[in-house]
Amino acid sequence: MSDATPKWQRKSRGRDLSGLGWLEAEILRIVWDKRQVTVRDVYEELRLRRRIAYTTVMSVLRNLAAKGLLEQDKSAAAYIYTPSVTDEEVACGILDALVDKIMGGRVEPLILYLQRSIVK
């Protein structure tokens, strides 16, 4: 895999095409929506939807920062996390992987699918 591939998209065995797990994606959505969060902020938001441990949220945020998707400001008592990439950049990376790996480089079927989805 080339160094030009973002860290978050580098796949380990068992990773899907997005390079992200479902919980990572859900947490990223929260960070993108709020723009700046602490572990507590994300934990409280997720607690409304599911049972989750505070330490799990902390670990996922740390992992997302290690993947280059979030910036981690350690200057305060509670670390502050902000997005390093936009949701559009991540979506484009996922679509590029989909077109390359699944569609064999052909974008036409994907475009047709998206056009049909818009009409619904």
N, C-alpha and C. Protein backbone atom coordinates (compact mmCIF):
# COMPACT_ATOMS: atom_id res chain seq x y z
N MET A 1 0.84 -1.17 0.00
CA MET A 1 0.00 0.00 0.00
C MET A 1 0.89 1.24 0.00
N SER A 2 0.52 2.23 -0.77
CA SER A 2 1.39 3.40 -0.89
C SER A 2 1.27 4.32 0.31
N ASP A 3 2.29 5.13 0.50
CA ASP A 3 2.27 6.10 1.60
C ASP A 3 1.25 7.19 1.35
N ALA A 4 0.77 7.33 0.09
CA ALA A 4 -0.22 8.34 -0.24
C ALA A 4 -1.59 7.98 0.33
N THR A 5 -1.82 6.73 0.67
CA THR A 5 -3.09 6.31 1.25
C THR A 5 -3.18 6.81 2.68
N PRO A 6 -4.28 7.53 3.01
CA PRO A 6 -4.42 8.01 4.39
C PRO A 6 -4.38 6.87 5.38
N LYS A 7 -3.86 7.14 6.58
CA LYS A 7 -3.75 6.11 7.61
C LYS A 7 -5.07 5.41 7.87
N TRP A 8 -6.15 6.17 7.90
CA TRP A 8 -7.44 5.59 8.25
C TRP A 8 -7.93 4.61 7.20
N GLN A 9 -7.42 4.72 5.97
CA GLN A 9 -7.89 3.83 4.91
C GLN A 9 -6.99 2.62 4.73
N ARG A 10 -5.86 2.57 5.40
CA ARG A 10 -5.00 1.41 5.31
C ARG A 10 -5.67 0.26 6.03
N LYS A 11 -5.80 -0.82 5.34
CA LYS A 11 -6.60 -1.92 5.86
C LYS A 11 -5.76 -2.97 6.55
N SER A 12 -6.27 -3.41 7.67
CA SER A 12 -5.71 -4.59 8.31
C SER A 12 -6.66 -5.74 7.97
N ARG A 13 -6.24 -6.95 8.25
CA ARG A 13 -7.13 -8.08 7.97
C ARG A 13 -8.45 -7.90 8.67
N GLY A 14 -9.52 -8.19 7.97
CA GLY A 14 -10.84 -8.12 8.58
C GLY A 14 -11.48 -6.73 8.51
N ARG A 15 -10.77 -5.73 8.03
CA ARG A 15 -11.33 -4.39 7.91
C ARG A 15 -12.15 -4.31 6.63
N ASP A 16 -13.21 -3.54 6.67
CA ASP A 16 -14.00 -3.37 5.46
C ASP A 16 -13.37 -2.32 4.56
N LEU A 17 -14.01 -2.03 3.45
CA LEU A 17 -13.45 -1.09 2.48
C LEU A 17 -13.30 0.33 3.02
N SER A 18 -14.10 0.68 4.01
CA SER A 18 -14.04 2.05 4.52
C SER A 18 -12.80 2.28 5.37
N GLY A 19 -12.25 1.21 5.95
CA GLY A 19 -11.14 1.38 6.88
C GLY A 19 -11.61 1.82 8.25
N LEU A 20 -12.94 1.91 8.43
CA LEU A 20 -13.54 2.34 9.69
C LEU A 20 -14.54 1.31 10.18
N GLY A 21 -14.63 1.18 11.48
CA GLY A 21 -15.67 0.35 12.07
C GLY A 21 -16.93 1.18 12.26
N TRP A 22 -18.04 0.49 12.57
CA TRP A 22 -19.31 1.19 12.75
C TRP A 22 -19.26 2.19 13.90
N LEU A 23 -18.65 1.80 15.01
CA LEU A 23 -18.57 2.70 16.16
C LEU A 23 -17.69 3.90 15.81
N GLU A 24 -16.59 3.66 15.11
CA GLU A 24 -15.72 4.77 14.69
C GLU A 24 -16.51 5.75 13.83
N ALA A 25 -17.29 5.22 12.89
CA ALA A 25 -18.08 6.09 12.01
C ALA A 25 -19.12 6.88 12.80
N GLU A 26 -19.76 6.23 13.76
CA GLU A 26 -20.77 6.91 14.58
C GLU A 26 -20.13 8.02 15.42
N ILE A 27 -18.98 7.75 15.97
CA ILE A 27 -18.28 8.76 16.77
C ILE A 27 -17.78 9.90 15.89
N LEU A 28 -17.28 9.58 14.72
CA LEU A 28 -16.86 10.63 13.79
C LEU A 28 -18.01 11.56 13.45
N ARG A 29 -19.20 10.99 13.23
CA ARG A 29 -20.37 11.81 12.91
C ARG A 29 -20.64 12.80 14.04
N ILE A 30 -20.53 12.35 15.26
CA ILE A 30 -20.74 13.22 16.42
C ILE A 30 -19.71 14.35 16.42
N VAL A 31 -18.46 14.01 16.19
CA VAL A 31 -17.39 15.03 16.18
C VAL A 31 -17.61 16.01 15.04
N TRP A 32 -17.95 15.52 13.86
CA TRP A 32 -18.20 16.44 12.73
C TRP A 32 -19.36 17.38 13.05
N ASP A 33 -20.42 16.86 13.66
CA ASP A 33 -21.58 17.69 13.97
C ASP A 33 -21.28 18.73 15.04
N LYS A 34 -20.51 18.36 16.05
CA LYS A 34 -20.23 19.27 17.16
C LYS A 34 -18.96 20.11 16.95
N ARG A 35 -18.10 19.67 16.05
CA ARG A 35 -16.85 20.36 15.67
C ARG A 35 -15.73 20.29 16.71
N GLN A 36 -16.08 20.17 17.96
CA GLN A 36 -15.07 20.10 19.03
C GLN A 36 -15.71 19.37 20.20
N VAL A 37 -15.05 18.29 20.66
CA VAL A 37 -15.65 17.48 21.71
C VAL A 37 -14.60 17.00 22.71
N THR A 38 -15.08 16.59 23.86
CA THR A 38 -14.28 15.85 24.83
C THR A 38 -14.80 14.41 24.83
N VAL A 39 -14.10 13.54 25.50
CA VAL A 39 -14.57 12.16 25.62
C VAL A 39 -15.95 12.17 26.28
N ARG A 40 -16.12 12.97 27.30
CA ARG A 40 -17.40 13.05 28.02
C ARG A 40 -18.53 13.46 27.08
N ASP A 41 -18.29 14.44 26.21
CA ASP A 41 -19.32 14.89 25.26
C ASP A 41 -19.81 13.73 24.40
N VAL A 42 -18.86 12.99 23.84
CA VAL A 42 -19.22 11.87 22.96
C VAL A 42 -19.90 10.76 23.75
N TYR A 43 -19.37 10.47 24.92
CA TYR A 43 -19.94 9.44 25.78
C TYR A 43 -21.40 9.75 26.10
N GLU A 44 -21.68 10.98 26.51
CA GLU A 44 -23.05 11.36 26.87
C GLU A 44 -23.99 11.27 25.67
N GLU A 45 -23.51 11.63 24.50
CA GLU A 45 -24.32 11.53 23.27
C GLU A 45 -24.62 10.07 22.94
N LEU A 46 -23.61 9.23 23.01
CA LEU A 46 -23.79 7.81 22.68
C LEU A 46 -24.67 7.10 23.71
N ARG A 47 -24.57 7.50 24.96
CA ARG A 47 -25.36 6.88 26.04
C ARG A 47 -26.85 7.02 25.80
N LEU A 48 -27.25 8.02 25.06
CA LEU A 48 -28.67 8.21 24.74
C LEU A 48 -29.16 7.13 23.78
N ARG A 49 -28.24 6.51 23.04
CA ARG A 49 -28.60 5.54 22.00
C ARG A 49 -28.28 4.10 22.37
N ARG A 50 -27.29 3.89 23.24
CA ARG A 50 -26.79 2.54 23.51
C ARG A 50 -26.05 2.49 24.83
N ARG A 51 -25.81 1.28 25.29
CA ARG A 51 -24.94 1.09 26.46
C ARG A 51 -23.51 1.05 25.95
N ILE A 52 -22.67 1.86 26.56
CA ILE A 52 -21.28 1.92 26.13
C ILE A 52 -20.42 2.37 27.30
N ALA A 53 -19.21 1.88 27.37
CA ALA A 53 -18.30 2.26 28.44
C ALA A 53 -17.56 3.54 28.07
N TYR A 54 -17.34 4.37 29.06
CA TYR A 54 -16.57 5.60 28.87
C TYR A 54 -15.19 5.29 28.29
N THR A 55 -14.57 4.23 28.79
CA THR A 55 -13.22 3.87 28.32
C THR A 55 -13.23 3.42 26.86
N THR A 56 -14.34 2.86 26.41
CA THR A 56 -14.46 2.48 24.99
C THR A 56 -14.45 3.73 24.12
N VAL A 57 -15.21 4.73 24.52
CA VAL A 57 -15.26 5.99 23.78
C VAL A 57 -13.87 6.63 23.77
N MET A 58 -13.21 6.62 24.91
CA MET A 58 -11.87 7.19 25.01
C MET A 58 -10.90 6.47 24.05
N SER A 59 -10.97 5.16 24.02
CA SER A 59 -10.09 4.38 23.14
C SER A 59 -10.36 4.66 21.67
N VAL A 60 -11.63 4.73 21.30
CA VAL A 60 -11.98 4.97 19.91
C VAL A 60 -11.53 6.36 19.47
N LEU A 61 -11.73 7.36 20.31
CA LEU A 61 -11.26 8.71 19.98
C LEU A 61 -9.74 8.74 19.82
N ARG A 62 -9.03 8.08 20.70
CA ARG A 62 -7.57 8.00 20.61
C ARG A 62 -7.15 7.30 19.30
N ASN A 63 -7.85 6.21 18.95
CA ASN A 63 -7.54 5.50 17.71
C ASN A 63 -7.83 6.35 16.48
N LEU A 64 -8.91 7.09 16.51
CA LEU A 64 -9.24 7.97 15.38
C LEU A 64 -8.19 9.07 15.22
N ALA A 65 -7.66 9.55 16.34
CA ALA A 65 -6.57 10.53 16.27
C ALA A 65 -5.31 9.88 15.70
N ALA A 66 -5.02 8.65 16.10
CA ALA A 66 -3.84 7.94 15.60
C ALA A 66 -3.96 7.68 14.10
N LYS A 67 -5.19 7.51 13.61
CA LYS A 67 -5.42 7.28 12.19
C LYS A 67 -5.37 8.58 11.39
N GLY A 68 -5.28 9.71 12.08
CA GLY A 68 -5.21 11.00 11.39
C GLY A 68 -6.57 11.60 11.07
N LEU A 69 -7.63 11.04 11.62
CA LEU A 69 -8.96 11.57 11.36
C LEU A 69 -9.36 12.69 12.33
N LEU A 70 -8.76 12.67 13.50
CA LEU A 70 -9.03 13.69 14.51
C LEU A 70 -7.73 14.30 15.00
N GLU A 71 -7.82 15.55 15.42
CA GLU A 71 -6.72 16.20 16.13
C GLU A 71 -7.01 16.05 17.62
N GLN A 72 -5.98 15.83 18.40
CA GLN A 72 -6.12 15.63 19.84
C GLN A 72 -5.32 16.71 20.55
N ASP A 73 -6.02 17.62 21.22
CA ASP A 73 -5.38 18.69 21.98
C ASP A 73 -5.26 18.23 23.43
N LYS A 74 -4.03 18.01 23.87
CA LYS A 74 -3.78 17.49 25.22
C LYS A 74 -3.45 18.60 26.23
N SER A 75 -3.64 19.85 25.86
CA SER A 75 -3.20 20.96 26.71
C SER A 75 -4.11 21.17 27.93
N ALA A 76 -5.35 20.74 27.87
CA ALA A 76 -6.27 20.91 29.00
C ALA A 76 -6.41 19.59 29.75
N ALA A 77 -7.06 19.64 30.90
CA ALA A 77 -7.27 18.43 31.70
C ALA A 77 -8.06 17.39 30.90
N ALA A 78 -9.10 17.85 30.21
CA ALA A 78 -9.88 16.96 29.33
C ALA A 78 -9.41 17.20 27.90
N TYR A 79 -8.95 16.15 27.24
CA TYR A 79 -8.48 16.29 25.86
C TYR A 79 -9.63 16.79 24.98
N ILE A 80 -9.27 17.65 24.04
CA ILE A 80 -10.24 18.18 23.08
C ILE A 80 -9.96 17.54 21.73
N TYR A 81 -11.00 17.03 21.10
CA TYR A 81 -10.88 16.41 19.78
C TYR A 81 -11.61 17.24 18.74
N THR A 82 -10.95 17.47 17.62
CA THR A 82 -11.52 18.19 16.49
C THR A 82 -11.25 17.39 15.22
N PRO A 83 -12.09 17.54 14.20
CA PRO A 83 -11.88 16.79 12.96
C PRO A 83 -10.62 17.24 12.22
N SER A 84 -9.88 16.28 11.67
CA SER A 84 -8.73 16.57 10.81
C SER A 84 -9.14 16.52 9.34
N VAL A 85 -10.21 15.79 9.07
CA VAL A 85 -10.72 15.64 7.71
C VAL A 85 -12.23 15.86 7.74
N THR A 86 -12.78 16.19 6.60
CA THR A 86 -14.23 16.41 6.52
C THR A 86 -14.94 15.09 6.24
N ASP A 87 -16.23 15.11 6.47
CA ASP A 87 -17.03 13.93 6.14
C ASP A 87 -17.01 13.66 4.64
N GLU A 88 -16.93 14.71 3.84
CA GLU A 88 -16.85 14.54 2.38
C GLU A 88 -15.56 13.84 1.97
N GLU A 89 -14.45 14.21 2.61
CA GLU A 89 -13.17 13.56 2.29
C GLU A 89 -13.21 12.08 2.61
N VAL A 90 -13.80 11.73 3.75
CA VAL A 90 -13.91 10.33 4.13
C VAL A 90 -14.84 9.59 3.16
N ALA A 91 -15.98 10.20 2.84
CA ALA A 91 -16.93 9.57 1.90
C ALA A 91 -16.27 9.36 0.54
N CYS A 92 -15.52 10.33 0.07
CA CYS A 92 -14.83 10.19 -1.23
C CYS A 92 -13.81 9.05 -1.18
N GLY A 93 -13.09 8.94 -0.08
CA GLY A 93 -12.13 7.85 0.07
C GLY A 93 -12.81 6.49 0.04
N ILE A 94 -13.96 6.39 0.71
CA ILE A 94 -14.70 5.14 0.73
C ILE A 94 -15.22 4.81 -0.67
N LEU A 95 -15.76 5.81 -1.35
CA LEU A 95 -16.27 5.59 -2.71
C LEU A 95 -15.14 5.21 -3.67
N ASP A 96 -13.98 5.84 -3.53
CA ASP A 96 -12.83 5.47 -4.36
C ASP A 96 -12.46 4.01 -4.16
N ALA A 97 -12.45 3.56 -2.90
CA ALA A 97 -12.13 2.16 -2.61
C ALA A 97 -13.19 1.24 -3.18
N LEU A 98 -14.45 1.62 -3.08
CA LEU A 98 -15.55 0.83 -3.63
C LEU A 98 -15.41 0.69 -5.15
N VAL A 99 -15.19 1.79 -5.81
CA VAL A 99 -15.05 1.76 -7.27
C VAL A 99 -13.84 0.92 -7.67
N ASP A 100 -12.74 1.08 -6.97
CA ASP A 100 -11.52 0.36 -7.31
C ASP A 100 -11.65 -1.14 -7.03
N LYS A 101 -12.05 -1.51 -5.83
CA LYS A 101 -12.03 -2.91 -5.41
C LYS A 101 -13.24 -3.71 -5.86
N ILE A 102 -14.42 -3.12 -5.78
CA ILE A 102 -15.64 -3.86 -6.08
C ILE A 102 -16.07 -3.68 -7.54
N MET A 103 -15.98 -2.46 -8.02
CA MET A 103 -16.47 -2.16 -9.36
C MET A 103 -15.38 -2.27 -10.43
N GLY A 104 -14.17 -2.63 -10.04
CA GLY A 104 -13.09 -2.78 -11.02
C GLY A 104 -12.76 -1.49 -11.76
N GLY A 105 -12.97 -0.36 -11.10
CA GLY A 105 -12.67 0.93 -11.70
C GLY A 105 -13.82 1.54 -12.49
N ARG A 106 -14.93 0.82 -12.60
CA ARG A 106 -16.08 1.32 -13.38
C ARG A 106 -17.00 2.15 -12.46
N VAL A 107 -17.20 3.40 -12.79
CA VAL A 107 -18.05 4.26 -11.96
C VAL A 107 -19.50 4.30 -12.44
N GLU A 108 -19.74 3.91 -13.69
CA GLU A 108 -21.08 4.03 -14.27
C GLU A 108 -22.16 3.33 -13.45
N PRO A 109 -21.95 2.06 -13.03
CA PRO A 109 -23.01 1.41 -12.23
C PRO A 109 -23.31 2.16 -10.93
N LEU A 110 -22.29 2.72 -10.31
CA LEU A 110 -22.49 3.47 -9.08
C LEU A 110 -23.26 4.76 -9.36
N ILE A 111 -22.93 5.43 -10.43
CA ILE A 111 -23.65 6.66 -10.81
C ILE A 111 -25.12 6.35 -11.08
N LEU A 112 -25.38 5.28 -11.80
CA LEU A 112 -26.77 4.88 -12.08
C LEU A 112 -27.52 4.59 -10.79
N TYR A 113 -26.88 3.89 -9.87
CA TYR A 113 -27.51 3.58 -8.59
C TYR A 113 -27.84 4.87 -7.83
N LEU A 114 -26.89 5.80 -7.78
CA LEU A 114 -27.12 7.06 -7.06
C LEU A 114 -28.22 7.87 -7.72
N GLN A 115 -28.27 7.88 -9.03
CA GLN A 115 -29.32 8.60 -9.73
C GLN A 115 -30.69 8.01 -9.41
N ARG A 116 -30.79 6.67 -9.38
CA ARG A 116 -32.06 6.02 -9.05
C ARG A 116 -32.44 6.33 -7.60
N SER A 117 -31.46 6.39 -6.71
CA SER A 117 -31.73 6.67 -5.30
C SER A 117 -32.26 8.07 -5.09
N ILE A 118 -31.80 9.01 -5.88
CA ILE A 118 -32.24 10.40 -5.76
C ILE A 118 -33.69 10.53 -6.19
N VAL A 119 -34.07 9.79 -7.22
CA VAL A 119 -35.43 9.86 -7.76
C VAL A 119 -36.46 9.30 -6.80
N LYS A 120 -36.08 8.33 -5.96
CA LYS A 120 -37.03 7.68 -5.04
C LYS A 120 -37.66 8.62 -4.11
